[in-house]
Amino acid sequence: MNYRERIYKDCASVMQDAGEKFDSAAADHWGRAYRHYLRNWLPTGKTAAIADLACGGGKLLHFFS
C-alpha cells in the first residue's frame, strides 16, 4: 500500500460519513444548506469556473453542478 492509500484509506467512510455509493438525495438535502450559507459567496453566472479542492464525499461538487 502506498502513502496516499494509507492516508486516505478510511477518510471517506470515517471522516466524511460517505457510503460506498454516492447518495444524490442526501447531496440534494445538503444543497439547501449550501445554497443558504454560500449565497453571497458564489458567482451568479452558471458558467463560472469553480475549483473544488475535494476532501469529502462529493456533496459540494454535486451542488455546484
PDB file of N, CA and C in Angstrom:
ATOM      1  N   MET A   1       0.851  -1.180   0.000  1.00  0.00           N
ATOM      2  CA  MET A   1       0.000   0.000   0.000  1.00  0.00           C
ATOM      3  C   MET A   1       0.899   1.246   0.000  1.00  0.00           C
ATOM      4  N   ASN A   2       0.621   2.183  -0.900  1.00  0.00           N
ATOM      5  CA  ASN A   2       1.456   3.386  -0.975  1.00  0.00           C
ATOM      6  C   ASN A   2       1.002   4.439   0.040  1.00  0.00           C
ATOM      7  N   TYR A   3       1.738   5.508   0.094  1.00  0.00           N
ATOM      8  CA  TYR A   3       1.482   6.584   1.064  1.00  0.00           C
ATOM      9  C   TYR A   3       0.061   7.127   0.952  1.00  0.00           C
ATOM     10  N   ARG A   4      -0.371   7.467  -0.256  1.00  0.00           N
ATOM     11  CA  ARG A   4      -1.712   8.023  -0.465  1.00  0.00           C
ATOM     12  C   ARG A   4      -2.791   7.043   0.001  1.00  0.00           C
ATOM     13  N   GLU A   5      -2.655   5.798  -0.353  1.00  0.00           N
ATOM     14  CA  GLU A   5      -3.636   4.795   0.060  1.00  0.00           C
ATOM     15  C   GLU A   5      -3.700   4.658   1.579  1.00  0.00           C
ATOM     16  N   ARG A   6      -2.551   4.703   2.239  1.00  0.00           N
ATOM     17  CA  ARG A   6      -2.532   4.609   3.700  1.00  0.00           C
ATOM     18  C   ARG A   6      -3.219   5.797   4.351  1.00  0.00           C
ATOM     19  N   ILE A   7      -2.980   7.003   3.828  1.00  0.00           N
ATOM     20  CA  ILE A   7      -3.551   8.210   4.423  1.00  0.00           C
ATOM     21  C   ILE A   7      -5.060   8.270   4.206  1.00  0.00           C
ATOM     22  N   TYR A   8      -5.509   7.974   2.988  1.00  0.00           N
ATOM     23  CA  TYR A   8      -6.911   8.177   2.627  1.00  0.00           C
ATOM     24  C   TYR A   8      -7.773   6.918   2.675  1.00  0.00           C
ATOM     25  N   LYS A   9      -7.218   5.827   3.140  1.00  0.00           N
ATOM     26  CA  LYS A   9      -7.915   4.549   3.134  1.00  0.00           C
ATOM     27  C   LYS A   9      -9.307   4.629   3.757  1.00  0.00           C
ATOM     28  N   ASP A  10      -9.429   5.231   4.900  1.00  0.00           N
ATOM     29  CA  ASP A  10     -10.710   5.283   5.601  1.00  0.00           C
ATOM     30  C   ASP A  10     -11.307   6.680   5.677  1.00  0.00           C
ATOM     31  N   CYS A  11     -10.739   7.644   5.008  1.00  0.00           N
ATOM     32  CA  CYS A  11     -11.178   9.031   5.155  1.00  0.00           C
ATOM     33  C   CYS A  11     -12.652   9.215   4.825  1.00  0.00           C
ATOM     34  N   ALA A  12     -13.093   8.755   3.667  1.00  0.00           N
ATOM     35  CA  ALA A  12     -14.479   8.985   3.256  1.00  0.00           C
ATOM     36  C   ALA A  12     -15.460   8.284   4.180  1.00  0.00           C
ATOM     37  N   SER A  13     -15.163   7.079   4.596  1.00  0.00           N
ATOM     38  CA  SER A  13     -16.124   6.348   5.422  1.00  0.00           C
ATOM     39  C   SER A  13     -16.076   6.755   6.888  1.00  0.00           C
ATOM     40  N   VAL A  14     -14.914   7.163   7.377  1.00  0.00           N
ATOM     41  CA  VAL A  14     -14.779   7.512   8.787  1.00  0.00           C
ATOM     42  C   VAL A  14     -14.970   9.009   9.022  1.00  0.00           C
ATOM     43  N   MET A  15     -14.296   9.828   8.244  1.00  0.00           N
ATOM     44  CA  MET A  15     -14.310  11.269   8.486  1.00  0.00           C
ATOM     45  C   MET A  15     -15.470  11.981   7.802  1.00  0.00           C
ATOM     46  N   GLN A  16     -15.901  11.520   6.650  1.00  0.00           N
ATOM     47  CA  GLN A  16     -16.913  12.230   5.888  1.00  0.00           C
ATOM     48  C   GLN A  16     -18.255  11.520   5.891  1.00  0.00           C
ATOM     49  N   ASP A  17     -18.387  10.402   6.538  1.00  0.00           N
ATOM     50  CA  ASP A  17     -19.640   9.657   6.614  1.00  0.00           C
ATOM     51  C   ASP A  17     -20.191   9.377   5.219  1.00  0.00           C
ATOM     52  N   ALA A  18     -19.326   9.013   4.305  1.00  0.00           N
ATOM     53  CA  ALA A  18     -19.744   8.707   2.940  1.00  0.00           C
ATOM     54  C   ALA A  18     -19.845   7.205   2.758  1.00  0.00           C
ATOM     55  N   GLY A  19     -20.894   6.777   2.095  1.00  0.00           N
ATOM     56  CA  GLY A  19     -21.054   5.361   1.800  1.00  0.00           C
ATOM     57  C   GLY A  19     -20.252   4.968   0.576  1.00  0.00           C
ATOM     58  N   GLU A  20     -20.367   3.712   0.219  1.00  0.00           N
ATOM     59  CA  GLU A  20     -19.649   3.238  -0.957  1.00  0.00           C
ATOM     60  C   GLU A  20     -20.243   3.805  -2.235  1.00  0.00           C
ATOM     61  N   LYS A  21     -21.549   4.081  -2.241  1.00  0.00           N
ATOM     62  CA  LYS A  21     -22.224   4.659  -3.400  1.00  0.00           C
ATOM     63  C   LYS A  21     -22.652   6.075  -3.062  1.00  0.00           C
ATOM     64  N   PHE A  22     -22.585   6.949  -4.057  1.00  0.00           N
ATOM     65  CA  PHE A  22     -22.984   8.343  -3.858  1.00  0.00           C
ATOM     66  C   PHE A  22     -24.494   8.424  -3.681  1.00  0.00           C
ATOM     67  N   ASP A  23     -24.946   9.121  -2.658  1.00  0.00           N
ATOM     68  CA  ASP A  23     -26.366   9.290  -2.358  1.00  0.00           C
ATOM     69  C   ASP A  23     -26.811  10.673  -2.831  1.00  0.00           C
ATOM     70  N   SER A  24     -27.401  10.739  -4.016  1.00  0.00           N
ATOM     71  CA  SER A  24     -27.779  12.041  -4.577  1.00  0.00           C
ATOM     72  C   SER A  24     -28.899  12.703  -3.780  1.00  0.00           C
ATOM     73  N   ALA A  25     -29.781  11.928  -3.159  1.00  0.00           N
ATOM     74  CA  ALA A  25     -30.846  12.522  -2.336  1.00  0.00           C
ATOM     75  C   ALA A  25     -30.246  13.223  -1.122  1.00  0.00           C
ATOM     76  N   ALA A  26     -29.265  12.606  -0.491  1.00  0.00           N
ATOM     77  CA  ALA A  26     -28.596  13.239   0.651  1.00  0.00           C
ATOM     78  C   ALA A  26     -27.832  14.477   0.190  1.00  0.00           C
ATOM     79  N   ALA A  27     -27.217  14.392  -0.980  1.00  0.00           N
ATOM     80  CA  ALA A  27     -26.490  15.548  -1.521  1.00  0.00           C
ATOM     81  C   ALA A  27     -27.448  16.689  -1.812  1.00  0.00           C
ATOM     82  N   ASP A  28     -28.631  16.379  -2.347  1.00  0.00           N
ATOM     83  CA  ASP A  28     -29.633  17.417  -2.598  1.00  0.00           C
ATOM     84  C   ASP A  28     -30.089  18.059  -1.290  1.00  0.00           C
ATOM     85  N   HIS A  29     -30.225  17.256  -0.247  1.00  0.00           N
ATOM     86  CA  HIS A  29     -30.588  17.781   1.072  1.00  0.00           C
ATOM     87  C   HIS A  29     -29.525  18.764   1.561  1.00  0.00           C
ATOM     88  N   TRP A  30     -28.258  18.385   1.446  1.00  0.00           N
ATOM     89  CA  TRP A  30     -27.171  19.277   1.844  1.00  0.00           C
ATOM     90  C   TRP A  30     -27.122  20.512   0.965  1.00  0.00           C
ATOM     91  N   GLY A  31     -27.574  20.392  -0.284  1.00  0.00           N
ATOM     92  CA  GLY A  31     -27.581  21.521  -1.206  1.00  0.00           C
ATOM     93  C   GLY A  31     -28.390  22.692  -0.689  1.00  0.00           C
ATOM     94  N   ARG A  32     -29.452  22.420   0.028  1.00  0.00           N
ATOM     95  CA  ARG A  32     -30.254  23.511   0.612  1.00  0.00           C
ATOM     96  C   ARG A  32     -29.431  24.310   1.614  1.00  0.00           C
ATOM     97  N   ALA A  33     -28.637  23.633   2.407  1.00  0.00           N
ATOM     98  CA  ALA A  33     -27.773  24.332   3.368  1.00  0.00           C
ATOM     99  C   ALA A  33     -26.669  25.093   2.635  1.00  0.00           C
ATOM    100  N   TYR A  34     -26.060  24.452   1.624  1.00  0.00           N
ATOM    101  CA  TYR A  34     -25.026  25.143   0.850  1.00  0.00           C
ATOM    102  C   TYR A  34     -25.587  26.405   0.210  1.00  0.00           C
ATOM    103  N   ARG A  35     -26.789  26.304  -0.346  1.00  0.00           N
ATOM    104  CA  ARG A  35     -27.404  27.458  -1.002  1.00  0.00           C
ATOM    105  C   ARG A  35     -27.553  28.616  -0.012  1.00  0.00           C
ATOM    106  N   HIS A  36     -27.926  28.301   1.208  1.00  0.00           N
ATOM    107  CA  HIS A  36     -28.095  29.335   2.236  1.00  0.00           C
ATOM    108  C   HIS A  36     -26.741  29.919   2.664  1.00  0.00           C
ATOM    109  N   TYR A  37     -25.818  29.060   3.039  1.00  0.00           N
ATOM    110  CA  TYR A  37     -24.553  29.526   3.603  1.00  0.00           C
ATOM    111  C   TYR A  37     -23.620  30.159   2.567  1.00  0.00           C
ATOM    112  N   LEU A  38     -23.732  29.741   1.331  1.00  0.00           N
ATOM    113  CA  LEU A  38     -22.826  30.249   0.293  1.00  0.00           C
ATOM    114  C   LEU A  38     -23.487  31.299  -0.598  1.00  0.00           C
ATOM    115  N   ARG A  39     -24.685  31.744  -0.248  1.00  0.00           N
ATOM    116  CA  ARG A  39     -25.473  32.614  -1.126  1.00  0.00           C
ATOM    117  C   ARG A  39     -24.766  33.903  -1.529  1.00  0.00           C
ATOM    118  N   ASN A  40     -23.958  34.488  -0.705  1.00  0.00           N
ATOM    119  CA  ASN A  40     -23.275  35.733  -1.050  1.00  0.00           C
ATOM    120  C   ASN A  40     -21.828  35.518  -1.493  1.00  0.00           C
ATOM    121  N   TRP A  41     -21.409  34.278  -1.585  1.00  0.00           N
ATOM    122  CA  TRP A  41     -20.025  33.969  -1.924  1.00  0.00           C
ATOM    123  C   TRP A  41     -19.865  33.458  -3.355  1.00  0.00           C
ATOM    124  N   LEU A  42     -20.886  32.841  -3.885  1.00  0.00           N
ATOM    125  CA  LEU A  42     -20.771  32.219  -5.199  1.00  0.00           C
ATOM    126  C   LEU A  42     -21.146  33.190  -6.305  1.00  0.00           C
ATOM    127  N   PRO A  43     -20.524  33.047  -7.482  1.00  0.00           N
ATOM    128  CA  PRO A  43     -20.891  33.899  -8.617  1.00  0.00           C
ATOM    129  C   PRO A  43     -22.309  33.572  -9.086  1.00  0.00           C
ATOM    130  N   THR A  44     -22.968  34.535  -9.673  1.00  0.00           N
ATOM    131  CA  THR A  44     -24.344  34.321 -10.134  1.00  0.00           C
ATOM    132  C   THR A  44     -24.397  33.581 -11.465  1.00  0.00           C
ATOM    133  N   GLY A  45     -23.358  33.687 -12.271  1.00  0.00           N
ATOM    134  CA  GLY A  45     -23.336  33.033 -13.578  1.00  0.00           C
ATOM    135  C   GLY A  45     -23.167  31.531 -13.479  1.00  0.00           C
ATOM    136  N   LYS A  46     -23.977  30.793 -14.211  1.00  0.00           N
ATOM    137  CA  LYS A  46     -23.909  29.323 -14.188  1.00  0.00           C
ATOM    138  C   LYS A  46     -22.674  28.786 -14.901  1.00  0.00           C
ATOM    139  N   THR A  47     -21.989  29.625 -15.674  1.00  0.00           N
ATOM    140  CA  THR A  47     -20.809  29.159 -16.402  1.00  0.00           C
ATOM    141  C   THR A  47     -19.504  29.547 -15.711  1.00  0.00           C
ATOM    142  N   ALA A  48     -19.592  30.080 -14.506  1.00  0.00           N
ATOM    143  CA  ALA A  48     -18.396  30.487 -13.769  1.00  0.00           C
ATOM    144  C   ALA A  48     -17.525  29.275 -13.449  1.00  0.00           C
ATOM    145  N   ALA A  49     -16.228  29.470 -13.509  1.00  0.00           N
ATOM    146  CA  ALA A  49     -15.296  28.397 -13.150  1.00  0.00           C
ATOM    147  C   ALA A  49     -15.141  28.356 -11.637  1.00  0.00           C
ATOM    148  N   ILE A  50     -15.259  27.171 -11.067  1.00  0.00           N
ATOM    149  CA  ILE A  50     -15.119  26.983  -9.623  1.00  0.00           C
ATOM    150  C   ILE A  50     -14.187  25.804  -9.395  1.00  0.00           C
ATOM    151  N   ALA A  51     -13.210  25.978  -8.536  1.00  0.00           N
ATOM    152  CA  ALA A  51     -12.312  24.879  -8.170  1.00  0.00           C
ATOM    153  C   ALA A  51     -12.802  24.265  -6.868  1.00  0.00           C
ATOM    154  N   ASP A  52     -13.082  22.982  -6.892  1.00  0.00           N
ATOM    155  CA  ASP A  52     -13.470  22.250  -5.697  1.00  0.00           C
ATOM    156  C   ASP A  52     -12.282  21.399  -5.286  1.00  0.00           C
ATOM    157  N   LEU A  53     -11.598  21.804  -4.227  1.00  0.00           N
ATOM    158  CA  LEU A  53     -10.444  21.053  -3.731  1.00  0.00           C
ATOM    159  C   LEU A  53     -10.977  20.002  -2.766  1.00  0.00           C
ATOM    160  N   ALA A  54     -11.362  18.922  -3.325  1.00  0.00           N
ATOM    161  CA  ALA A  54     -12.173  17.911  -2.642  1.00  0.00           C
ATOM    162  C   ALA A  54     -11.445  17.205  -1.510  1.00  0.00           C
ATOM    163  N   CYS A  55     -12.196  17.017  -0.441  1.00  0.00           N
ATOM    164  CA  CYS A  55     -11.743  16.163   0.655  1.00  0.00           C
ATOM    165  C   CYS A  55     -12.939  15.447   1.259  1.00  0.00           C
ATOM    166  N   GLY A  56     -14.069  15.518   0.608  1.00  0.00           N
ATOM    167  CA  GLY A  56     -15.283  14.909   1.138  1.00  0.00           C
ATOM    168  C   GLY A  56     -15.870  13.881   0.197  1.00  0.00           C
ATOM    169  N   GLY A  57     -17.157  13.674   0.358  1.00  0.00           N
ATOM    170  CA  GLY A  57     -17.848  12.633  -0.390  1.00  0.00           C
ATOM    171  C   GLY A  57     -18.484  13.087  -1.683  1.00  0.00           C
ATOM    172  N   GLY A  58     -18.325  14.344  -2.084  1.00  0.00           N
ATOM    173  CA  GLY A  58     -18.838  14.810  -3.354  1.00  0.00           C
ATOM    174  C   GLY A  58     -20.110  15.636  -3.278  1.00  0.00           C
ATOM    175  N   LYS A  59     -20.623  15.883  -2.074  1.00  0.00           N
ATOM    176  CA  LYS A  59     -21.879  16.650  -1.948  1.00  0.00           C
ATOM    177  C   LYS A  59     -21.747  18.073  -2.458  1.00  0.00           C
ATOM    178  N   LEU A  60     -20.644  18.717  -2.155  1.00  0.00           N
ATOM    179  CA  LEU A  60     -20.468  20.107  -2.602  1.00  0.00           C
ATOM    180  C   LEU A  60     -20.312  20.154  -4.125  1.00  0.00           C
ATOM    181  N   LEU A  61     -19.576  19.236  -4.696  1.00  0.00           N
ATOM    182  CA  LEU A  61     -19.430  19.193  -6.147  1.00  0.00           C
ATOM    183  C   LEU A  61     -20.782  18.924  -6.810  1.00  0.00           C
ATOM    184  N   HIS A  62     -21.583  18.074  -6.228  1.00  0.00           N
ATOM    185  CA  HIS A  62     -22.936  17.813  -6.734  1.00  0.00           C
ATOM    186  C   HIS A  62     -23.758  19.104  -6.696  1.00  0.00           C
ATOM    187  N   PHE A  63     -23.642  19.860  -5.628  1.00  0.00           N
ATOM    188  CA  PHE A  63     -24.338  21.140  -5.510  1.00  0.00           C
ATOM    189  C   PHE A  63     -23.880  22.111  -6.595  1.00  0.00           C
ATOM    190  N   PHE A  64     -22.572  22.181  -6.811  1.00  0.00           N
ATOM    191  CA  PHE A  64     -22.046  23.091  -7.841  1.00  0.00           C
ATOM    192  C   PHE A  64     -22.556  22.709  -9.226  1.00  0.00           C
ATOM    193  N   SER A  65     -22.688  21.432  -9.487  1.00  0.00           N
ATOM    194  CA  SER A  65     -23.119  21.018 -10.824  1.00  0.00           C
ATOM    195  C   SER A  65     -24.579  21.349 -11.029  1.00  0.00           C
TER     196      SER A  65
END
